[in-house]
Amino acid sequence: MLRTGLLWKWRILVIFSHKKQLRNDLDEIQNILLQYGWIQGNPGSTETGFCLIGAANYYFEAIEHDANQKRIDRVKDALESIVGTVWVWNDKPGRTLDEVLILINQAIEAV
């Protein structure tokens, strides 16, 4: 019985840790877009700005040095649970940076 209780507590801690990390990841991706700018049509760079997915990739690869696929998938899933396919939504003509920032904030709140 004690083992089952400890396993349950461990699972809760892992879930809480993942949620906290996801909120932090989304916040950092938002900061990248604010710092370098937002673009459509390609992943981007520090010189041109980034699309939403490009900012996420830059964050995980260049800043965090952690291309853990599960972590990347959690970010993508959080965004896609609100808008569907992220790159399609990002590249829709007329889309604005404000809308992208609102999406990220909605994803943070939903975690």
N, C-alpha and C. Protein backbone atom coordinates (compact mmCIF):
# COMPACT_ATOMS: atom_id res chain seq x y z
N MET A 1 0.82 -1.19 0.00
CA MET A 1 0.00 0.00 0.00
C MET A 1 0.87 1.25 0.00
N LEU A 2 1.93 1.25 0.79
CA LEU A 2 2.81 2.40 0.86
C LEU A 2 3.46 2.67 -0.50
N ARG A 3 3.85 1.61 -1.18
CA ARG A 3 4.46 1.75 -2.51
C ARG A 3 3.50 2.38 -3.50
N THR A 4 2.25 1.98 -3.48
CA THR A 4 1.24 2.53 -4.36
C THR A 4 1.06 4.02 -4.09
N GLY A 5 1.03 4.40 -2.83
CA GLY A 5 0.89 5.80 -2.45
C GLY A 5 2.07 6.63 -2.92
N LEU A 6 3.27 6.11 -2.80
CA LEU A 6 4.46 6.83 -3.26
C LEU A 6 4.47 6.96 -4.78
N LEU A 7 4.06 5.91 -5.47
CA LEU A 7 3.99 5.96 -6.92
C LEU A 7 2.99 7.02 -7.37
N TRP A 8 1.87 7.09 -6.71
CA TRP A 8 0.84 8.09 -7.02
C TRP A 8 1.38 9.50 -6.80
N LYS A 9 2.07 9.72 -5.68
CA LYS A 9 2.66 11.03 -5.40
C LYS A 9 3.71 11.38 -6.43
N TRP A 10 4.50 10.42 -6.84
CA TRP A 10 5.53 10.65 -7.85
C TRP A 10 4.90 11.07 -9.17
N ARG A 11 3.83 10.40 -9.56
CA ARG A 11 3.13 10.74 -10.81
C ARG A 11 2.57 12.16 -10.75
N ILE A 12 2.01 12.56 -9.64
CA ILE A 12 1.49 13.91 -9.47
C ILE A 12 2.62 14.93 -9.59
N LEU A 13 3.76 14.64 -8.98
CA LEU A 13 4.91 15.55 -9.08
C LEU A 13 5.41 15.68 -10.51
N VAL A 14 5.42 14.57 -11.24
CA VAL A 14 5.85 14.61 -12.64
C VAL A 14 4.89 15.45 -13.47
N ILE A 15 3.61 15.26 -13.27
CA ILE A 15 2.61 16.04 -14.01
C ILE A 15 2.74 17.51 -13.67
N PHE A 16 2.87 17.84 -12.40
CA PHE A 16 3.03 19.24 -11.99
C PHE A 16 4.29 19.83 -12.60
N SER A 17 5.38 19.06 -12.59
CA SER A 17 6.64 19.53 -13.15
C SER A 17 6.51 19.79 -14.65
N HIS A 18 5.85 18.90 -15.37
CA HIS A 18 5.65 19.08 -16.81
C HIS A 18 4.81 20.32 -17.10
N LYS A 19 3.78 20.55 -16.30
CA LYS A 19 2.93 21.72 -16.50
C LYS A 19 3.71 23.01 -16.24
N LYS A 20 4.48 23.02 -15.19
CA LYS A 20 5.29 24.19 -14.87
C LYS A 20 6.30 24.45 -15.99
N GLN A 21 6.94 23.39 -16.46
CA GLN A 21 7.91 23.52 -17.55
C GLN A 21 7.23 24.00 -18.83
N LEU A 22 6.05 23.50 -19.12
CA LEU A 22 5.32 23.92 -20.31
C LEU A 22 4.97 25.40 -20.25
N ARG A 23 4.49 25.86 -19.12
CA ARG A 23 4.20 27.30 -18.97
C ARG A 23 5.45 28.13 -19.19
N ASN A 24 6.56 27.68 -18.62
CA ASN A 24 7.83 28.39 -18.79
C ASN A 24 8.28 28.37 -20.25
N ASP A 25 8.17 27.23 -20.90
CA ASP A 25 8.56 27.12 -22.31
C ASP A 25 7.74 28.07 -23.17
N LEU A 26 6.44 28.11 -22.97
CA LEU A 26 5.58 29.00 -23.75
C LEU A 26 5.93 30.47 -23.48
N ASP A 27 6.21 30.79 -22.24
CA ASP A 27 6.60 32.16 -21.89
C ASP A 27 7.90 32.55 -22.58
N GLU A 28 8.87 31.66 -22.60
CA GLU A 28 10.16 31.94 -23.24
C GLU A 28 10.01 32.07 -24.76
N ILE A 29 9.15 31.26 -25.36
CA ILE A 29 8.89 31.37 -26.79
C ILE A 29 8.27 32.73 -27.10
N GLN A 30 7.37 33.16 -26.26
CA GLN A 30 6.77 34.48 -26.42
C GLN A 30 7.85 35.57 -26.33
N ASN A 31 8.77 35.44 -25.39
CA ASN A 31 9.85 36.41 -25.25
C ASN A 31 10.73 36.48 -26.49
N ILE A 32 10.97 35.33 -27.11
CA ILE A 32 11.76 35.31 -28.35
C ILE A 32 11.05 36.09 -29.44
N LEU A 33 9.74 35.89 -29.58
CA LEU A 33 8.98 36.63 -30.59
C LEU A 33 9.00 38.13 -30.31
N LEU A 34 8.92 38.51 -29.06
CA LEU A 34 8.97 39.92 -28.70
C LEU A 34 10.36 40.52 -28.96
N GLN A 35 11.38 39.72 -28.72
CA GLN A 35 12.75 40.22 -28.89
C GLN A 35 13.16 40.30 -30.36
N TYR A 36 12.87 39.25 -31.14
CA TYR A 36 13.37 39.17 -32.51
C TYR A 36 12.32 39.50 -33.57
N GLY A 37 11.07 39.50 -33.18
CA GLY A 37 10.00 39.76 -34.14
C GLY A 37 9.35 38.48 -34.62
N TRP A 38 8.23 38.65 -35.28
CA TRP A 38 7.42 37.53 -35.76
C TRP A 38 7.26 37.63 -37.28
N ILE A 39 7.36 36.49 -37.95
CA ILE A 39 7.21 36.45 -39.40
C ILE A 39 6.28 35.31 -39.79
N GLN A 40 5.97 35.28 -41.06
CA GLN A 40 5.18 34.19 -41.62
C GLN A 40 5.94 33.57 -42.79
N GLY A 41 5.62 32.33 -43.10
CA GLY A 41 6.11 31.70 -44.31
C GLY A 41 7.39 30.90 -44.19
N ASN A 42 8.18 31.09 -43.16
CA ASN A 42 9.37 30.27 -42.94
C ASN A 42 9.75 30.33 -41.46
N PRO A 43 10.61 29.40 -41.02
CA PRO A 43 10.94 29.35 -39.60
C PRO A 43 11.59 30.62 -39.06
N GLY A 44 12.45 31.25 -39.87
CA GLY A 44 13.06 32.50 -39.47
C GLY A 44 14.42 32.36 -38.82
N SER A 45 14.89 33.49 -38.29
CA SER A 45 16.21 33.55 -37.65
C SER A 45 16.24 34.77 -36.73
N THR A 46 17.36 34.92 -36.04
CA THR A 46 17.50 36.08 -35.17
C THR A 46 17.58 37.37 -35.97
N GLU A 47 17.94 37.27 -37.25
CA GLU A 47 18.02 38.46 -38.10
C GLU A 47 16.66 38.86 -38.68
N THR A 48 15.82 37.87 -38.95
CA THR A 48 14.55 38.14 -39.64
C THR A 48 13.33 38.08 -38.74
N GLY A 49 13.48 37.50 -37.56
CA GLY A 49 12.34 37.19 -36.72
C GLY A 49 11.98 35.73 -36.92
N PHE A 50 10.98 35.26 -36.20
CA PHE A 50 10.61 33.85 -36.24
C PHE A 50 9.11 33.68 -36.41
N CYS A 51 8.73 32.60 -37.08
CA CYS A 51 7.33 32.17 -36.99
C CYS A 51 7.17 31.49 -35.63
N LEU A 52 5.98 31.14 -35.27
CA LEU A 52 5.73 30.56 -33.95
C LEU A 52 6.51 29.26 -33.75
N ILE A 53 6.47 28.37 -34.72
CA ILE A 53 7.20 27.11 -34.60
C ILE A 53 8.70 27.36 -34.66
N GLY A 54 9.13 28.29 -35.50
CA GLY A 54 10.55 28.64 -35.58
C GLY A 54 11.07 29.16 -34.25
N ALA A 55 10.26 29.97 -33.56
CA ALA A 55 10.65 30.48 -32.24
C ALA A 55 10.78 29.34 -31.24
N ALA A 56 9.86 28.38 -31.32
CA ALA A 56 9.93 27.21 -30.42
C ALA A 56 11.19 26.41 -30.70
N ASN A 57 11.47 26.15 -31.97
CA ASN A 57 12.68 25.40 -32.33
C ASN A 57 13.94 26.13 -31.88
N TYR A 58 13.99 27.44 -32.09
CA TYR A 58 15.14 28.23 -31.66
C TYR A 58 15.32 28.13 -30.14
N TYR A 59 14.23 28.25 -29.43
CA TYR A 59 14.29 28.17 -27.96
C TYR A 59 14.86 26.83 -27.51
N PHE A 60 14.33 25.74 -28.03
CA PHE A 60 14.77 24.43 -27.57
C PHE A 60 16.19 24.10 -28.02
N GLU A 61 16.55 24.48 -29.23
CA GLU A 61 17.85 24.10 -29.76
C GLU A 61 18.96 25.06 -29.37
N ALA A 62 18.75 26.37 -29.50
CA ALA A 62 19.82 27.34 -29.31
C ALA A 62 19.92 27.86 -27.87
N ILE A 63 18.82 27.93 -27.18
CA ILE A 63 18.82 28.48 -25.83
C ILE A 63 18.85 27.37 -24.78
N GLU A 64 17.91 26.46 -24.88
CA GLU A 64 17.83 25.37 -23.90
C GLU A 64 18.80 24.23 -24.20
N HIS A 65 19.21 24.09 -25.45
CA HIS A 65 20.05 22.96 -25.88
C HIS A 65 19.39 21.64 -25.48
N ASP A 66 18.07 21.60 -25.69
CA ASP A 66 17.29 20.43 -25.29
C ASP A 66 16.21 20.18 -26.34
N ALA A 67 16.52 19.36 -27.31
CA ALA A 67 15.55 19.05 -28.36
C ALA A 67 14.74 17.80 -27.99
N ASN A 68 14.38 17.68 -26.72
CA ASN A 68 13.59 16.56 -26.23
C ASN A 68 12.23 16.58 -26.93
N GLN A 69 11.94 15.55 -27.71
CA GLN A 69 10.73 15.53 -28.52
C GLN A 69 9.47 15.60 -27.69
N LYS A 70 9.44 14.99 -26.52
CA LYS A 70 8.25 15.05 -25.67
C LYS A 70 7.98 16.48 -25.22
N ARG A 71 9.02 17.20 -24.90
CA ARG A 71 8.88 18.59 -24.47
C ARG A 71 8.38 19.46 -25.63
N ILE A 72 8.94 19.26 -26.80
CA ILE A 72 8.50 19.99 -27.99
C ILE A 72 7.04 19.66 -28.29
N ASP A 73 6.70 18.39 -28.20
CA ASP A 73 5.32 17.96 -28.46
C ASP A 73 4.33 18.59 -27.49
N ARG A 74 4.72 18.75 -26.22
CA ARG A 74 3.82 19.37 -25.24
C ARG A 74 3.50 20.81 -25.64
N VAL A 75 4.51 21.54 -26.12
CA VAL A 75 4.28 22.92 -26.58
C VAL A 75 3.35 22.91 -27.79
N LYS A 76 3.67 22.08 -28.76
CA LYS A 76 2.86 22.00 -29.98
C LYS A 76 1.43 21.59 -29.65
N ASP A 77 1.26 20.60 -28.79
CA ASP A 77 -0.08 20.13 -28.41
C ASP A 77 -0.87 21.23 -27.70
N ALA A 78 -0.20 21.99 -26.83
CA ALA A 78 -0.88 23.07 -26.11
C ALA A 78 -1.41 24.12 -27.08
N LEU A 79 -0.62 24.45 -28.08
CA LEU A 79 -1.04 25.45 -29.07
C LEU A 79 -2.11 24.88 -30.00
N GLU A 80 -1.90 23.65 -30.47
CA GLU A 80 -2.83 23.05 -31.42
C GLU A 80 -4.17 22.69 -30.79
N SER A 81 -4.21 22.55 -29.48
CA SER A 81 -5.50 22.29 -28.82
C SER A 81 -6.42 23.52 -28.93
N ILE A 82 -5.84 24.66 -29.24
CA ILE A 82 -6.61 25.90 -29.36
C ILE A 82 -6.88 26.26 -30.82
N VAL A 83 -5.88 26.09 -31.71
CA VAL A 83 -6.03 26.60 -33.09
C VAL A 83 -5.92 25.55 -34.19
N GLY A 84 -5.67 24.32 -33.86
CA GLY A 84 -5.42 23.33 -34.91
C GLY A 84 -3.95 23.38 -35.31
N THR A 85 -3.66 23.08 -36.56
CA THR A 85 -2.28 23.01 -37.03
C THR A 85 -1.61 24.38 -36.92
N VAL A 86 -0.56 24.45 -36.12
CA VAL A 86 0.06 25.73 -35.78
C VAL A 86 0.62 26.45 -37.00
N TRP A 87 1.36 25.75 -37.86
CA TRP A 87 1.98 26.46 -38.98
C TRP A 87 0.93 26.99 -39.95
N VAL A 88 -0.18 26.30 -40.12
CA VAL A 88 -1.26 26.80 -40.98
C VAL A 88 -1.87 28.04 -40.35
N TRP A 89 -2.14 27.98 -39.06
CA TRP A 89 -2.71 29.12 -38.35
C TRP A 89 -1.75 30.31 -38.39
N ASN A 90 -0.46 30.07 -38.11
CA ASN A 90 0.55 31.13 -38.10
C ASN A 90 0.63 31.85 -39.44
N ASP A 91 0.55 31.08 -40.52
CA ASP A 91 0.79 31.64 -41.86
C ASP A 91 -0.46 32.16 -42.56
N LYS A 92 -1.59 32.15 -41.87
CA LYS A 92 -2.81 32.68 -42.47
C LYS A 92 -2.63 34.16 -42.81
N PRO A 93 -2.94 34.54 -44.06
CA PRO A 93 -2.82 35.96 -44.42
C PRO A 93 -3.65 36.84 -43.47
N GLY A 94 -3.05 37.95 -43.07
CA GLY A 94 -3.72 38.87 -42.17
C GLY A 94 -3.47 38.60 -40.69
N ARG A 95 -2.85 37.45 -40.39
CA ARG A 95 -2.54 37.12 -38.99
C ARG A 95 -1.60 38.20 -38.44
N THR A 96 -1.72 38.52 -37.16
CA THR A 96 -0.87 39.55 -36.56
C THR A 96 -0.08 39.00 -35.38
N LEU A 97 0.97 39.71 -35.02
CA LEU A 97 1.76 39.34 -33.84
C LEU A 97 0.87 39.35 -32.60
N ASP A 98 -0.02 40.32 -32.49
CA ASP A 98 -0.91 40.36 -31.32
C ASP A 98 -1.71 39.07 -31.19
N GLU A 99 -2.20 38.54 -32.31
CA GLU A 99 -2.96 37.29 -32.27
C GLU A 99 -2.08 36.13 -31.82
N VAL A 100 -0.83 36.13 -32.26
CA VAL A 100 0.11 35.07 -31.86
C VAL A 100 0.36 35.15 -30.36
N LEU A 101 0.57 36.35 -29.85
CA LEU A 101 0.81 36.51 -28.42
C LEU A 101 -0.41 36.13 -27.59
N ILE A 102 -1.59 36.45 -28.10
CA ILE A 102 -2.83 36.05 -27.41
C ILE A 102 -2.93 34.53 -27.37
N LEU A 103 -2.60 33.86 -28.47
CA LEU A 103 -2.63 32.40 -28.50
C LEU A 103 -1.70 31.82 -27.44
N ILE A 104 -0.48 32.33 -27.37
CA ILE A 104 0.47 31.82 -26.39
C ILE A 104 -0.07 32.03 -24.97
N ASN A 105 -0.63 33.19 -24.71
CA ASN A 105 -1.20 33.45 -23.38
C ASN A 105 -2.37 32.51 -23.08
N GLN A 106 -3.20 32.24 -24.09
CA GLN A 106 -4.30 31.29 -23.88
C GLN A 106 -3.77 29.91 -23.56
N ALA A 107 -2.71 29.50 -24.25
CA ALA A 107 -2.12 28.18 -23.98
C ALA A 107 -1.53 28.12 -22.57
N ILE A 108 -0.89 29.21 -22.15
CA ILE A 108 -0.34 29.25 -20.79
C ILE A 108 -1.46 29.13 -19.77
N GLU A 109 -2.54 29.87 -19.98
CA GLU A 109 -3.67 29.82 -19.04
C GLU A 109 -4.35 28.46 -19.01
N ALA A 110 -4.32 27.76 -20.14
CA ALA A 110 -4.99 26.47 -20.23
C ALA A 110 -4.20 25.33 -19.59
N VAL A 111 -2.93 25.57 -19.33
CA VAL A 111 -2.08 24.50 -18.75
C VAL A 111 -2.52 24.22 -17.33
